[in-house]
C-alpha atoms as a PDB file:
ATOM      1  CA  MET A   1     103.656   6.318 -86.544  1.00  0.00           C
ATOM      2  CA  ALA A   2     105.987   5.348 -89.359  1.00  0.00           C
ATOM      3  CA  ASN A   3     109.719   5.944 -89.009  1.00  0.00           C
ATOM      4  CA  ILE A   4     110.767   5.426 -92.623  1.00  0.00           C
ATOM      5  CA  LYS A   5     110.673   8.488 -94.844  1.00  0.00           C
ATOM      6  CA  SER A   6     108.849   6.759 -97.711  1.00  0.00           C
ATOM      7  CA  ALA A   7     106.240   5.366 -95.311  1.00  0.00           C
ATOM      8  CA  LYS A   8     105.630   8.851 -93.918  1.00  0.00           C
ATOM      9  CA  LYS A   9     105.168  10.127 -97.455  1.00  0.00           C
ATOM     10  CA  ARG A  10     102.720   7.310 -98.261  1.00  0.00           C
ATOM     11  CA  ILE A  11     100.631   8.285 -95.231  1.00  0.00           C
ATOM     12  CA  LEU A  12     100.438  11.895 -96.456  1.00  0.00           C
ATOM     13  CA  VAL A  13      99.682  10.896-100.052  1.00  0.00           C
ATOM     14  CA  ASN A  14      96.984   8.455 -98.974  1.00  0.00           C
ATOM     15  CA  LYS A  15      95.346  11.126 -96.802  1.00  0.00           C
ATOM     16  CA  THR A  16      95.382  13.576 -99.725  1.00  0.00           C
ATOM     17  CA  LYS A  17      93.838  11.036-102.081  1.00  0.00           C
ATOM     18  CA  ALA A  18      91.218   9.980 -99.535  1.00  0.00           C
ATOM     19  CA  ASP A  19      90.176  13.610 -99.033  1.00  0.00           C
ATOM     20  CA  ARG A  20      89.933  14.125-102.792  1.00  0.00           C
ATOM     21  CA  ASN A  21      87.872  10.973-103.256  1.00  0.00           C
ATOM     22  CA  LYS A  22      85.576  11.953-100.387  1.00  0.00           C
ATOM     23  CA  ALA A  23      84.939  15.376-101.931  1.00  0.00           C
ATOM     24  CA  ILE A  24      84.179  13.877-105.337  1.00  0.00           C
ATOM     25  CA  LYS A  25      81.838  11.246-103.875  1.00  0.00           C
ATOM     26  CA  SER A  26      80.061  13.920-101.858  1.00  0.00           C
ATOM     27  CA  GLY A  27      79.490  15.953-105.016  1.00  0.00           C
ATOM     28  CA  VAL A  28      78.054  12.924-106.797  1.00  0.00           C
ATOM     29  CA  LYS A  29      75.708  12.195-103.889  1.00  0.00           C
ATOM     30  CA  THR A  30      74.514  15.812-103.913  1.00  0.00           C
ATOM     31  CA  ALA A  31      73.833  15.632-107.658  1.00  0.00           C
ATOM     32  CA  ILE A  32      71.864  12.404-107.189  1.00  0.00           C
ATOM     33  CA  LYS A  33      69.837  13.990-104.378  1.00  0.00           C
ATOM     34  CA  LYS A  34      68.948  16.901-106.675  1.00  0.00           C
ATOM     35  CA  VAL A  35      67.620  14.463-109.289  1.00  0.00           C
ATOM     36  CA  ASN A  36      65.592  12.616-106.666  1.00  0.00           C
ATOM     37  CA  ALA A  37      64.216  15.879-105.277  1.00  0.00           C
ATOM     38  CA  ALA A  38      63.084  16.937-108.761  1.00  0.00           C
ATOM     39  CA  ILE A  39      61.422  13.543-109.229  1.00  0.00           C
ATOM     40  CA  GLU A  40      59.637  13.887-105.877  1.00  0.00           C
ATOM     41  CA  ALA A  41      58.454  17.373-106.869  1.00  0.00           C
ATOM     42  CA  ASN A  42      57.216  15.886-110.169  1.00  0.00           C
ATOM     43  CA  ASP A  43      59.166  18.507-112.157  1.00  0.00           C
ATOM     44  CA  LYS A  44      60.226  16.732-115.333  1.00  0.00           C
ATOM     45  CA  GLU A  45      62.303  19.574-116.800  1.00  0.00           C
ATOM     46  CA  ALA A  46      64.263  20.076-113.572  1.00  0.00           C
ATOM     47  CA  ALA A  47      64.724  16.312-113.305  1.00  0.00           C
ATOM     48  CA  LYS A  48      66.139  16.133-116.838  1.00  0.00           C
ATOM     49  CA  SER A  49      68.590  18.970-116.273  1.00  0.00           C
ATOM     50  CA  ALA A  50      69.599  17.543-112.888  1.00  0.00           C
ATOM     51  CA  LEU A  51      70.050  14.130-114.527  1.00  0.00           C
ATOM     52  CA  LEU A  52      72.400  15.663-117.084  1.00  0.00           C
ATOM     53  CA  ALA A  53      74.471  17.283-114.325  1.00  0.00           C
ATOM     54  CA  ALA A  54      74.483  14.112-112.215  1.00  0.00           C
ATOM     55  CA  THR A  55      75.540  11.972-115.168  1.00  0.00           C
ATOM     56  CA  SER A  56      78.396  14.356-115.860  1.00  0.00           C
ATOM     57  CA  ALA A  57      79.526  14.283-112.213  1.00  0.00           C
ATOM     58  CA  ILE A  58      79.368  10.482-112.096  1.00  0.00           C
ATOM     59  CA  ASP A  59      81.306  10.141-115.357  1.00  0.00           C
ATOM     60  CA  LYS A  60      83.994  12.535-114.127  1.00  0.00           C
ATOM     61  CA  ALA A  61      84.311  10.589-110.876  1.00  0.00           C
ATOM     62  CA  THR A  62      84.703   7.382-112.867  1.00  0.00           C
ATOM     63  CA  LYS A  63      87.322   8.953-115.108  1.00  0.00           C
ATOM     64  CA  LYS A  64      89.307   9.958-112.021  1.00  0.00           C
ATOM     65  CA  GLY A  65      89.119   6.442-110.618  1.00  0.00           C
ATOM     66  CA  VAL A  66      86.788   7.168-107.711  1.00  0.00           C
ATOM     67  CA  TYR A  67      84.089   4.791-108.980  1.00  0.00           C
ATOM     68  CA  HIS A  68      84.354   1.545-110.921  1.00  0.00           C
ATOM     69  CA  LYS A  69      82.836   1.830-114.398  1.00  0.00           C
ATOM     70  CA  ASN A  70      80.095  -0.690-113.585  1.00  0.00           C
ATOM     71  CA  THR A  71      79.162   1.233-110.433  1.00  0.00           C
ATOM     72  CA  SER A  72      78.830   4.451-112.370  1.00  0.00           C
ATOM     73  CA  ALA A  73      76.854   2.732-115.125  1.00  0.00           C
ATOM     74  CA  ARG A  74      74.461   1.335-112.513  1.00  0.00           C
ATOM     75  CA  LYS A  75      73.988   4.733-110.867  1.00  0.00           C
ATOM     76  CA  VAL A  76      73.338   6.490-114.187  1.00  0.00           C
ATOM     77  CA  SER A  77      70.984   3.749-115.334  1.00  0.00           C
ATOM     78  CA  ARG A  78      68.899   3.886-112.167  1.00  0.00           C
ATOM     79  CA  LEU A  79      68.645   7.677-112.316  1.00  0.00           C
ATOM     80  CA  ALA A  80      67.721   7.672-116.006  1.00  0.00           C
ATOM     81  CA  THR A  81      65.074   4.986-115.426  1.00  0.00           C
ATOM     82  CA  ALA A  82      63.575   6.987-112.559  1.00  0.00           C
ATOM     83  CA  VAL A  83      63.421  10.158-114.667  1.00  0.00           C
ATOM     84  CA  ASN A  84      61.953   8.330-117.664  1.00  0.00           C
ATOM     85  CA  LYS A  85      59.228   6.753-115.507  1.00  0.00           C
ATOM     86  CA  MET A  86      57.856  10.190-114.650  1.00  0.00           C
ATOM     87  CA  ALA A  87      54.465  10.801-116.260  1.00  0.00           C
END
């Protein structure tokens, strides 16, 4: 355990930020799973609406610094490609 006051504060701040990042990432994963579930069910309208929500969640996570911009672009691209491939 740290003895210096600033080090103690850094531990608390890092824990807070890690919890926040974990919650945001979890939300993004849930949104992606909803898109994939709609694709599996072959429901194009649900997939499109879920894609819109997932894209928004991914973009917000990127804006907050949870994901790198290239990572978010890759995730959105893969989801959009999967939805567009539906017949």
